[in-house]
Amino acid sequence: MCRVVDLQQAVLAKNAMAAGVLRTELTARGTTVVNLLSSPGSGKTALLERELLLARERGVPVAALTADLATENDASRLARSGVPVKQVLTDGLCHLEADMLAGHLHDWLPEDTRLLFVENVGNLVCPASYDLGESLRVVLASVTEGEDKPLKYPTAFGLAQLVLVTKIDLAGPAAFDEAAFRANVQQVNPGVEVRLTSARSSRGVGLLLNRALAAADGRHVHTPVMARAEA
């Protein structure tokens, strides 16, 4: 058991170093990374497509990299926005790592990219432990997933700098208890912002882009208690 723990710590330490290097390099060229985490089927791709379209309309240079175990379906959807998009197939790996991301960005990411949205593998376990050199980490959860997800996945929600509730237009049929969800989020991550969104009805569309631009401009980003404890 000790050997397994030591190996895990070594892997995470190596990733943290790679993430720091990547963050420094991208910041120097004016690019801010936004790491998006969620369960499969949360509506992450639908919301991101709307945000990319809005960024293009506003003239904000953005790009998106999406990771999946298989298929290029998400990249095809995001490419409809007209911004640069790259699909990464992980061949069974349940998360992205900083050095993997750096390798895929080499010779692909346009030099003038202001924001890079990384749509991580649909999974609230593995990706939560891996820093990708992001300046903003966003966790999304749909109303159909239940109010207890923050308590079931405390690392994912505990390290989030912004929490977005998706598919809020289905809150009624799903009997979603917003107050309970918010309370559970605050239990694992006191003070983090929780906002409601719907790609279908356009509620909250633009908020993710605005928060990403604020982070890019150096404005204050929430520091989770869990992150302070790990520092």
C-alpha atoms as a PDB file:
ATOM      1  CA  MET A   1       0.000   0.000   0.000  1.00  0.00           C
ATOM      2  CA  CYS A   2       2.798   2.424   0.863  1.00  0.00           C
ATOM      3  CA  ARG A   3       4.432   1.720  -2.488  1.00  0.00           C
ATOM      4  CA  VAL A   4       1.190   2.486  -4.331  1.00  0.00           C
ATOM      5  CA  VAL A   5       0.760   5.754  -2.427  1.00  0.00           C
ATOM      6  CA  ASP A   6       4.380   6.730  -3.116  1.00  0.00           C
ATOM      7  CA  LEU A   7       3.915   6.083  -6.840  1.00  0.00           C
ATOM      8  CA  GLN A   8       0.705   8.113  -6.944  1.00  0.00           C
ATOM      9  CA  GLN A   9       2.401  11.011  -5.175  1.00  0.00           C
ATOM     10  CA  ALA A  10       5.347  10.840  -7.552  1.00  0.00           C
ATOM     11  CA  VAL A  11       3.070  10.868 -10.597  1.00  0.00           C
ATOM     12  CA  LEU A  12       1.088  13.845  -9.268  1.00  0.00           C
ATOM     13  CA  ALA A  13       4.277  15.693  -8.334  1.00  0.00           C
ATOM     14  CA  LYS A  14       5.660  15.195 -11.832  1.00  0.00           C
ATOM     15  CA  ASN A  15       2.379  16.406 -13.320  1.00  0.00           C
ATOM     16  CA  ALA A  16       2.380  19.474 -11.051  1.00  0.00           C
ATOM     17  CA  MET A  17       5.836  20.425 -12.309  1.00  0.00           C
ATOM     18  CA  ALA A  18       4.771  20.000 -15.942  1.00  0.00           C
ATOM     19  CA  ALA A  19       1.614  22.026 -15.283  1.00  0.00           C
ATOM     20  CA  GLY A  20       3.661  24.849 -13.788  1.00  0.00           C
ATOM     21  CA  VAL A  21       5.930  24.965 -16.819  1.00  0.00           C
ATOM     22  CA  LEU A  22       2.972  24.915 -19.207  1.00  0.00           C
ATOM     23  CA  ARG A  23       1.156  27.643 -17.282  1.00  0.00           C
ATOM     24  CA  THR A  24       4.237  29.864 -17.388  1.00  0.00           C
ATOM     25  CA  GLU A  25       4.781  29.303 -21.112  1.00  0.00           C
ATOM     26  CA  LEU A  26       1.161  29.951 -22.054  1.00  0.00           C
ATOM     27  CA  THR A  27       0.862  32.990 -19.798  1.00  0.00           C
ATOM     28  CA  ALA A  28       3.960  34.458 -21.437  1.00  0.00           C
ATOM     29  CA  ARG A  29       2.268  34.242 -24.825  1.00  0.00           C
ATOM     30  CA  GLY A  30      -1.020  35.622 -23.500  1.00  0.00           C
ATOM     31  CA  THR A  31      -3.035  32.391 -23.413  1.00  0.00           C
ATOM     32  CA  THR A  32      -5.231  31.413 -20.466  1.00  0.00           C
ATOM     33  CA  VAL A  33      -6.360  27.810 -19.985  1.00  0.00           C
ATOM     34  CA  VAL A  34      -9.832  26.921 -18.712  1.00  0.00           C
ATOM     35  CA  ASN A  35     -10.193  23.308 -17.542  1.00  0.00           C
ATOM     36  CA  LEU A  36     -13.761  21.934 -17.776  1.00  0.00           C
ATOM     37  CA  LEU A  37     -14.672  18.835 -15.746  1.00  0.00           C
ATOM     38  CA  SER A  38     -17.961  16.969 -15.546  1.00  0.00           C
ATOM     39  CA  SER A  39     -19.655  13.589 -15.692  1.00  0.00           C
ATOM     40  CA  PRO A  40     -20.590  12.169 -19.114  1.00  0.00           C
ATOM     41  CA  GLY A  41     -23.829  13.648 -20.428  1.00  0.00           C
ATOM     42  CA  SER A  42     -23.739  16.780 -18.307  1.00  0.00           C
ATOM     43  CA  GLY A  43     -24.276  19.063 -21.293  1.00  0.00           C
ATOM     44  CA  LYS A  44     -20.702  20.359 -21.171  1.00  0.00           C
ATOM     45  CA  THR A  45     -20.207  20.223 -24.940  1.00  0.00           C
ATOM     46  CA  ALA A  46     -23.506  21.955 -25.697  1.00  0.00           C
ATOM     47  CA  LEU A  47     -22.739  24.818 -23.334  1.00  0.00           C
ATOM     48  CA  LEU A  48     -19.155  25.125 -24.566  1.00  0.00           C
ATOM     49  CA  GLU A  49     -20.339  25.338 -28.174  1.00  0.00           C
ATOM     50  CA  ARG A  50     -22.556  28.280 -27.248  1.00  0.00           C
ATOM     51  CA  GLU A  51     -19.674  29.984 -25.427  1.00  0.00           C
ATOM     52  CA  LEU A  52     -17.330  29.511 -28.388  1.00  0.00           C
ATOM     53  CA  LEU A  53     -19.897  30.992 -30.754  1.00  0.00           C
ATOM     54  CA  LEU A  54     -20.290  33.983 -28.464  1.00  0.00           C
ATOM     55  CA  ALA A  55     -16.521  34.440 -28.238  1.00  0.00           C
ATOM     56  CA  ARG A  56     -16.268  34.444 -32.007  1.00  0.00           C
ATOM     57  CA  GLU A  57     -19.058  37.014 -32.262  1.00  0.00           C
ATOM     58  CA  ARG A  58     -17.211  39.232 -29.786  1.00  0.00           C
ATOM     59  CA  GLY A  59     -13.931  38.839 -31.627  1.00  0.00           C
ATOM     60  CA  VAL A  60     -12.202  37.009 -28.761  1.00  0.00           C
ATOM     61  CA  PRO A  61      -9.476  34.649 -30.087  1.00  0.00           C
ATOM     62  CA  VAL A  62     -10.342  31.292 -28.541  1.00  0.00           C
ATOM     63  CA  ALA A  63      -9.621  27.619 -29.192  1.00  0.00           C
ATOM     64  CA  ALA A  64     -10.893  24.356 -27.747  1.00  0.00           C
ATOM     65  CA  LEU A  65      -9.305  20.988 -27.127  1.00  0.00           C
ATOM     66  CA  THR A  66     -11.628  18.136 -26.246  1.00  0.00           C
ATOM     67  CA  ALA A  67     -10.617  14.744 -24.848  1.00  0.00           C
ATOM     68  CA  ASP A  68     -12.501  11.455 -25.081  1.00  0.00           C
ATOM     69  CA  LEU A  69     -11.711   7.770 -24.846  1.00  0.00           C
ATOM     70  CA  ALA A  70     -13.132   7.284 -28.348  1.00  0.00           C
ATOM     71  CA  THR A  71     -14.950   9.057 -31.244  1.00  0.00           C
ATOM     72  CA  GLU A  72     -14.517  12.606 -32.507  1.00  0.00           C
ATOM     73  CA  ASN A  73     -18.156  13.535 -31.956  1.00  0.00           C
ATOM     74  CA  ASP A  74     -17.492  16.385 -29.529  1.00  0.00           C
ATOM     75  CA  ALA A  75     -14.831  17.970 -31.722  1.00  0.00           C
ATOM     76  CA  SER A  76     -17.217  17.884 -34.685  1.00  0.00           C
ATOM     77  CA  ARG A  77     -19.863  19.669 -32.640  1.00  0.00           C
ATOM     78  CA  LEU A  78     -17.490  22.297 -31.286  1.00  0.00           C
ATOM     79  CA  ALA A  79     -16.012  22.928 -34.727  1.00  0.00           C
ATOM     80  CA  ARG A  80     -19.404  24.268 -35.834  1.00  0.00           C
ATOM     81  CA  SER A  81     -18.529  27.395 -33.858  1.00  0.00           C
ATOM     82  CA  GLY A  82     -15.830  28.208 -36.407  1.00  0.00           C
ATOM     83  CA  VAL A  83     -12.974  28.407 -33.881  1.00  0.00           C
ATOM     84  CA  PRO A  84      -9.884  26.150 -33.877  1.00  0.00           C
ATOM     85  CA  VAL A  85     -10.749  22.783 -32.318  1.00  0.00           C
ATOM     86  CA  LYS A  86      -8.643  19.697 -31.674  1.00  0.00           C
ATOM     87  CA  GLN A  87      -9.790  16.223 -30.621  1.00  0.00           C
ATOM     88  CA  VAL A  88      -7.590  14.110 -28.346  1.00  0.00           C
ATOM     89  CA  LEU A  89      -8.325  10.395 -28.085  1.00  0.00           C
ATOM     90  CA  THR A  90      -6.897   9.008 -24.851  1.00  0.00           C
ATOM     91  CA  ASP A  91      -7.173   5.319 -25.822  1.00  0.00           C
ATOM     92  CA  GLY A  92      -8.646   4.315 -22.491  1.00  0.00           C
ATOM     93  CA  LEU A  93      -6.932   6.820 -20.200  1.00  0.00           C
ATOM     94  CA  CYS A  94      -9.573   8.444 -18.005  1.00  0.00           C
ATOM     95  CA  HIS A  95      -7.984  11.910 -17.819  1.00  0.00           C
ATOM     96  CA  LEU A  96      -5.598  14.369 -19.408  1.00  0.00           C
ATOM     97  CA  GLU A  97      -2.192  15.175 -17.930  1.00  0.00           C
ATOM     98  CA  ALA A  98      -0.174  18.357 -18.296  1.00  0.00           C
ATOM     99  CA  ASP A  99       2.581  16.891 -20.467  1.00  0.00           C
ATOM    100  CA  MET A 100      -0.024  15.255 -22.724  1.00  0.00           C
ATOM    101  CA  LEU A 101      -1.766  18.593 -23.164  1.00  0.00           C
ATOM    102  CA  ALA A 102       1.509  20.366 -23.898  1.00  0.00           C
ATOM    103  CA  GLY A 103       2.340  17.813 -26.581  1.00  0.00           C
ATOM    104  CA  HIS A 104      -1.006  18.262 -28.305  1.00  0.00           C
ATOM    105  CA  LEU A 105      -0.717  22.059 -28.217  1.00  0.00           C
ATOM    106  CA  HIS A 106       2.680  22.048 -29.912  1.00  0.00           C
ATOM    107  CA  ASP A 107       2.437  23.274 -33.518  1.00  0.00           C
ATOM    108  CA  TRP A 108      -1.378  23.491 -33.269  1.00  0.00           C
ATOM    109  CA  LEU A 109      -2.491  26.275 -30.938  1.00  0.00           C
ATOM    110  CA  PRO A 110      -2.714  29.592 -32.833  1.00  0.00           C
ATOM    111  CA  GLU A 111      -0.279  32.176 -31.469  1.00  0.00           C
ATOM    112  CA  ASP A 112      -2.963  34.795 -30.829  1.00  0.00           C
ATOM    113  CA  THR A 113      -5.191  32.490 -28.739  1.00  0.00           C
ATOM    114  CA  ARG A 114      -6.521  34.425 -25.744  1.00  0.00           C
ATOM    115  CA  LEU A 115      -8.476  31.559 -24.172  1.00  0.00           C
ATOM    116  CA  LEU A 116      -8.009  27.816 -24.500  1.00  0.00           C
ATOM    117  CA  PHE A 117     -10.965  25.784 -23.274  1.00  0.00           C
ATOM    118  CA  VAL A 118     -10.016  22.194 -22.417  1.00  0.00           C
ATOM    119  CA  GLU A 119     -12.971  19.820 -22.294  1.00  0.00           C
ATOM    120  CA  ASN A 120     -11.580  17.065 -20.101  1.00  0.00           C
ATOM    121  CA  VAL A 121     -12.613  13.419 -20.283  1.00  0.00           C
ATOM    122  CA  GLY A 122     -16.146  12.925 -18.928  1.00  0.00           C
ATOM    123  CA  ASN A 123     -15.268  11.756 -15.428  1.00  0.00           C
ATOM    124  CA  LEU A 124     -15.355  13.368 -11.979  1.00  0.00           C
ATOM    125  CA  VAL A 125     -12.718  11.099 -10.432  1.00  0.00           C
ATOM    126  CA  CYS A 126      -9.404  10.903 -12.322  1.00  0.00           C
ATOM    127  CA  PRO A 127      -9.284  14.402 -13.895  1.00  0.00           C
ATOM    128  CA  ALA A 128      -9.834  16.067 -10.518  1.00  0.00           C
ATOM    129  CA  SER A 129      -6.283  15.326  -9.343  1.00  0.00           C
ATOM    130  CA  TYR A 130      -4.445  16.605 -12.424  1.00  0.00           C
ATOM    131  CA  ASP A 131      -3.530  20.252 -12.901  1.00  0.00           C
ATOM    132  CA  LEU A 132      -3.376  21.120 -16.607  1.00  0.00           C
ATOM    133  CA  GLY A 133      -1.754  24.497 -16.183  1.00  0.00           C
ATOM    134  CA  GLU A 134      -5.180  26.113 -16.035  1.00  0.00           C
ATOM    135  CA  SER A 135      -5.984  29.506 -14.587  1.00  0.00           C
ATOM    136  CA  LEU A 136      -9.645  28.612 -14.126  1.00  0.00           C
ATOM    137  CA  ARG A 137     -11.070  25.211 -13.196  1.00  0.00           C
ATOM    138  CA  VAL A 138     -14.791  24.782 -13.815  1.00  0.00           C
ATOM    139  CA  VAL A 139     -16.925  21.847 -12.712  1.00  0.00           C
ATOM    140  CA  LEU A 140     -20.307  21.332 -14.369  1.00  0.00           C
ATOM    141  CA  ALA A 141     -23.198  19.225 -13.107  1.00  0.00           C
ATOM    142  CA  SER A 142     -26.615  18.782 -14.693  1.00  0.00           C
ATOM    143  CA  VAL A 143     -29.872  18.906 -12.748  1.00  0.00           C
ATOM    144  CA  THR A 144     -30.509  15.284 -13.736  1.00  0.00           C
ATOM    145  CA  GLU A 145     -27.463  14.054 -11.790  1.00  0.00           C
ATOM    146  CA  GLY A 146     -28.869  14.749  -8.341  1.00  0.00           C
ATOM    147  CA  GLU A 147     -28.020  17.121  -5.514  1.00  0.00           C
ATOM    148  CA  ASP A 148     -25.523  14.822  -3.794  1.00  0.00           C
ATOM    149  CA  LYS A 149     -22.817  14.833  -6.477  1.00  0.00           C
ATOM    150  CA  PRO A 150     -20.615  17.380  -4.641  1.00  0.00           C
ATOM    151  CA  LEU A 151     -20.534  15.066  -1.631  1.00  0.00           C
ATOM    152  CA  LYS A 152     -19.862  11.960  -3.754  1.00  0.00           C
ATOM    153  CA  TYR A 153     -17.036  13.659  -5.656  1.00  0.00           C
ATOM    154  CA  PRO A 154     -15.508  16.012  -3.067  1.00  0.00           C
ATOM    155  CA  THR A 155     -12.152  16.412  -4.822  1.00  0.00           C
ATOM    156  CA  ALA A 156     -13.677  17.496  -8.119  1.00  0.00           C
ATOM    157  CA  PHE A 157     -16.050  19.985  -6.530  1.00  0.00           C
ATOM    158  CA  GLY A 158     -13.637  20.871  -3.736  1.00  0.00           C
ATOM    159  CA  LEU A 159     -10.996  22.140  -6.177  1.00  0.00           C
ATOM    160  CA  ALA A 160     -13.425  23.981  -8.472  1.00  0.00           C
ATOM    161  CA  GLN A 161     -13.073  27.719  -8.937  1.00  0.00           C
ATOM    162  CA  LEU A 162     -16.505  27.951 -10.541  1.00  0.00           C
ATOM    163  CA  VAL A 163     -19.441  25.522 -10.478  1.00  0.00           C
ATOM    164  CA  LEU A 164     -22.024  25.581 -13.259  1.00  0.00           C
ATOM    165  CA  VAL A 165     -25.369  23.813 -13.033  1.00  0.00           C
ATOM    166  CA  THR A 166     -26.458  22.772 -16.527  1.00  0.00           C
ATOM    167  CA  LYS A 167     -29.814  21.883 -18.088  1.00  0.00           C
ATOM    168  CA  ILE A 168     -31.626  24.104 -15.590  1.00  0.00           C
ATOM    169  CA  ASP A 169     -34.606  24.091 -17.968  1.00  0.00           C
ATOM    170  CA  LEU A 170     -35.152  20.479 -16.800  1.00  0.00           C
ATOM    171  CA  ALA A 171     -35.081  21.320 -13.098  1.00  0.00           C
ATOM    172  CA  GLY A 172     -38.837  20.845 -12.714  1.00  0.00           C
ATOM    173  CA  PRO A 173     -39.162  17.391 -14.319  1.00  0.00           C
ATOM    174  CA  ALA A 174     -35.970  16.277 -12.561  1.00  0.00           C
ATOM    175  CA  ALA A 175     -37.251  17.545  -9.189  1.00  0.00           C
ATOM    176  CA  PHE A 176     -33.900  19.280  -8.719  1.00  0.00           C
ATOM    177  CA  ASP A 177     -33.403  20.770  -5.241  1.00  0.00           C
ATOM    178  CA  GLU A 178     -31.260  23.823  -5.928  1.00  0.00           C
ATOM    179  CA  ALA A 179     -30.888  24.787  -2.272  1.00  0.00           C
ATOM    180  CA  ALA A 180     -29.662  21.309  -1.339  1.00  0.00           C
ATOM    181  CA  PHE A 181     -27.173  21.283  -4.212  1.00  0.00           C
ATOM    182  CA  ARG A 182     -25.796  24.687  -3.249  1.00  0.00           C
ATOM    183  CA  ALA A 183     -25.462  23.623   0.389  1.00  0.00           C
ATOM    184  CA  ASN A 184     -23.567  20.495  -0.622  1.00  0.00           C
ATOM    185  CA  VAL A 185     -21.203  22.496  -2.835  1.00  0.00           C
ATOM    186  CA  GLN A 186     -20.493  24.949  -0.021  1.00  0.00           C
ATOM    187  CA  GLN A 187     -19.808  22.071   2.362  1.00  0.00           C
ATOM    188  CA  VAL A 188     -16.859  20.886   0.261  1.00  0.00           C
ATOM    189  CA  ASN A 189     -15.844  24.254  -1.226  1.00  0.00           C
ATOM    190  CA  PRO A 190     -16.914  27.271   0.872  1.00  0.00           C
ATOM    191  CA  GLY A 191     -17.311  30.484  -1.075  1.00  0.00           C
ATOM    192  CA  VAL A 192     -17.171  29.069  -4.598  1.00  0.00           C
ATOM    193  CA  GLU A 193     -19.538  30.677  -7.109  1.00  0.00           C
ATOM    194  CA  VAL A 194     -22.444  28.487  -8.283  1.00  0.00           C
ATOM    195  CA  ARG A 195     -24.414  29.602 -11.336  1.00  0.00           C
ATOM    196  CA  LEU A 196     -27.331  28.158 -13.278  1.00  0.00           C
ATOM    197  CA  THR A 197     -27.164  27.610 -17.041  1.00  0.00           C
ATOM    198  CA  SER A 198     -29.093  26.142 -19.953  1.00  0.00           C
ATOM    199  CA  ALA A 199     -27.625  25.823 -23.425  1.00  0.00           C
ATOM    200  CA  ARG A 200     -31.139  25.246 -24.778  1.00  0.00           C
ATOM    201  CA  SER A 201     -32.813  28.317 -23.274  1.00  0.00           C
ATOM    202  CA  SER A 202     -29.624  30.444 -23.274  1.00  0.00           C
ATOM    203  CA  ARG A 203     -29.859  31.049 -19.540  1.00  0.00           C
ATOM    204  CA  GLY A 204     -26.409  31.836 -18.197  1.00  0.00           C
ATOM    205  CA  VAL A 205     -24.772  31.616 -21.629  1.00  0.00           C
ATOM    206  CA  GLY A 206     -21.827  34.021 -21.677  1.00  0.00           C
ATOM    207  CA  LEU A 207     -21.044  33.697 -17.992  1.00  0.00           C
ATOM    208  CA  LEU A 208     -18.298  31.115 -18.586  1.00  0.00           C
ATOM    209  CA  LEU A 209     -16.715  33.330 -21.236  1.00  0.00           C
ATOM    210  CA  ASN A 210     -16.887  36.368 -18.956  1.00  0.00           C
ATOM    211  CA  ARG A 211     -15.303  34.521 -16.034  1.00  0.00           C
ATOM    212  CA  ALA A 212     -12.565  33.164 -18.302  1.00  0.00           C
ATOM    213  CA  LEU A 213     -11.788  36.646 -19.634  1.00  0.00           C
ATOM    214  CA  ALA A 214     -11.704  37.994 -16.086  1.00  0.00           C
ATOM    215  CA  ALA A 215      -9.168  35.322 -15.141  1.00  0.00           C
ATOM    216  CA  ALA A 216      -7.145  36.171 -18.253  1.00  0.00           C
ATOM    217  CA  ASP A 217      -7.118  39.819 -17.193  1.00  0.00           C
ATOM    218  CA  GLY A 218      -5.671  38.856 -13.821  1.00  0.00           C
ATOM    219  CA  ARG A 219      -8.798  39.486 -11.785  1.00  0.00           C
ATOM    220  CA  HIS A 220      -9.320  37.508  -8.585  1.00  0.00           C
ATOM    221  CA  VAL A 221     -10.209  33.842  -8.963  1.00  0.00           C
ATOM    222  CA  HIS A 222     -11.643  31.812  -6.101  1.00  0.00           C
ATOM    223  CA  THR A 223      -9.041  29.836  -4.153  1.00  0.00           C
ATOM    224  CA  PRO A 224     -10.630  26.652  -2.755  1.00  0.00           C
ATOM    225  CA  VAL A 225      -9.868  25.677   0.832  1.00  0.00           C
ATOM    226  CA  MET A 226      -8.754  22.271  -0.432  1.00  0.00           C
ATOM    227  CA  ALA A 227      -6.221  23.893  -2.764  1.00  0.00           C
ATOM    228  CA  ARG A 228      -4.822  26.006   0.059  1.00  0.00           C
ATOM    229  CA  ALA A 229      -4.463  22.891   2.196  1.00  0.00           C
ATOM    230  CA  GLU A 230      -2.546  21.089  -0.568  1.00  0.00           C
ATOM    231  CA  ALA A 231      -0.199  24.022  -1.231  1.00  0.00           C
END
